Amino acid sequence: MKPALRLPILALLSSALWMTACSPGSVEVVSETDEKQYQRGKLFLRNGNSEDALDAFMGVIDARRDAPESHLEAGYIFLREMKDPVRANYHFSRYLELKPQSDRAPQVRQLIETAQKEFARQLPAQPYEGELDRMDLMDLMKNMRMENESLKRDLMTAQRRVTQLEGMISDARRAPAPVANTQTRQQPVVSQPTAPSSEPESVPRTYTVQSGDSLSGISRKVYGTSSRWIDIYQANRDRLSSENALKVGQELRIP
């Protein structure tokens, strides 16, 4: 080969070798556990410096899309050192998402249960403390939510009942029952002595409940006004558990 051609060929070969060495495919990817930040975190842990160790592991998590080992170490620190079971549960769960088939997966699942129980123990007044060994956090939260909904329904029912009773009592107080009786006594009924009236002597002493009856309806039949239902109710408290507890064929006292 002529000396004039040798130099250009050598230059081309050198350029090709340099480009191959610098190509992205030739760059070796550093594993998570070989990361400097991860190694610093492990060193901090060995020296008992959990806060700096946590910062180092969080740095690895921020820098990498997949950092299961750093999530696991962060979970340990949050659970055991920081007493923060909520964040610990998050990092343990992220480890299982990234390495679901890992040999350590069963251990990490147990750590998640421990974090959930620890969170439950931190709730006010430590509810259900005696059952935490057999109840995980999701069951606890479900039971509390169901109990809360039941209490809300009971409270709304009680409030509607109170409003209803207040309205009935208010109507009874406003009803001019005595005036109506006075007007009836003042009417000339000499020509019809047997006609029904609201005079005390014409009121039956008992009444047999019929289908469709209510206390206000019975009051209207007996007294000519529905406002005296509460008098009938009070006279039969030993027979009626509530004003709506009427039974067909039941005999009521009429005061």
Foldseek 3Di string as FASTA:
>chain_A
DDPVPVVVVVVVVVVVVVCVCPDPVNDDDDDLCRDPLQVVLVVCVVVVNNVSSLVSLVVSVVVDVDRLVSLQSNLVCCVPPVVNLVSSLVSLVSNCVRCVPDPCNVVSVVSNQVSQLSVCCPPPPSPPVVCSVPDGNVRVVVVVVVVVVVVVVVVVVVVVVVVVVVVLVVVLVPDPLVVQLVVQVPDPCVVPVPDDAQPPVRADQKDFDAPPDFLLNVCCVRRVGSSCSVVQCVQCVVPDVDRGRDDGGDMTGDD
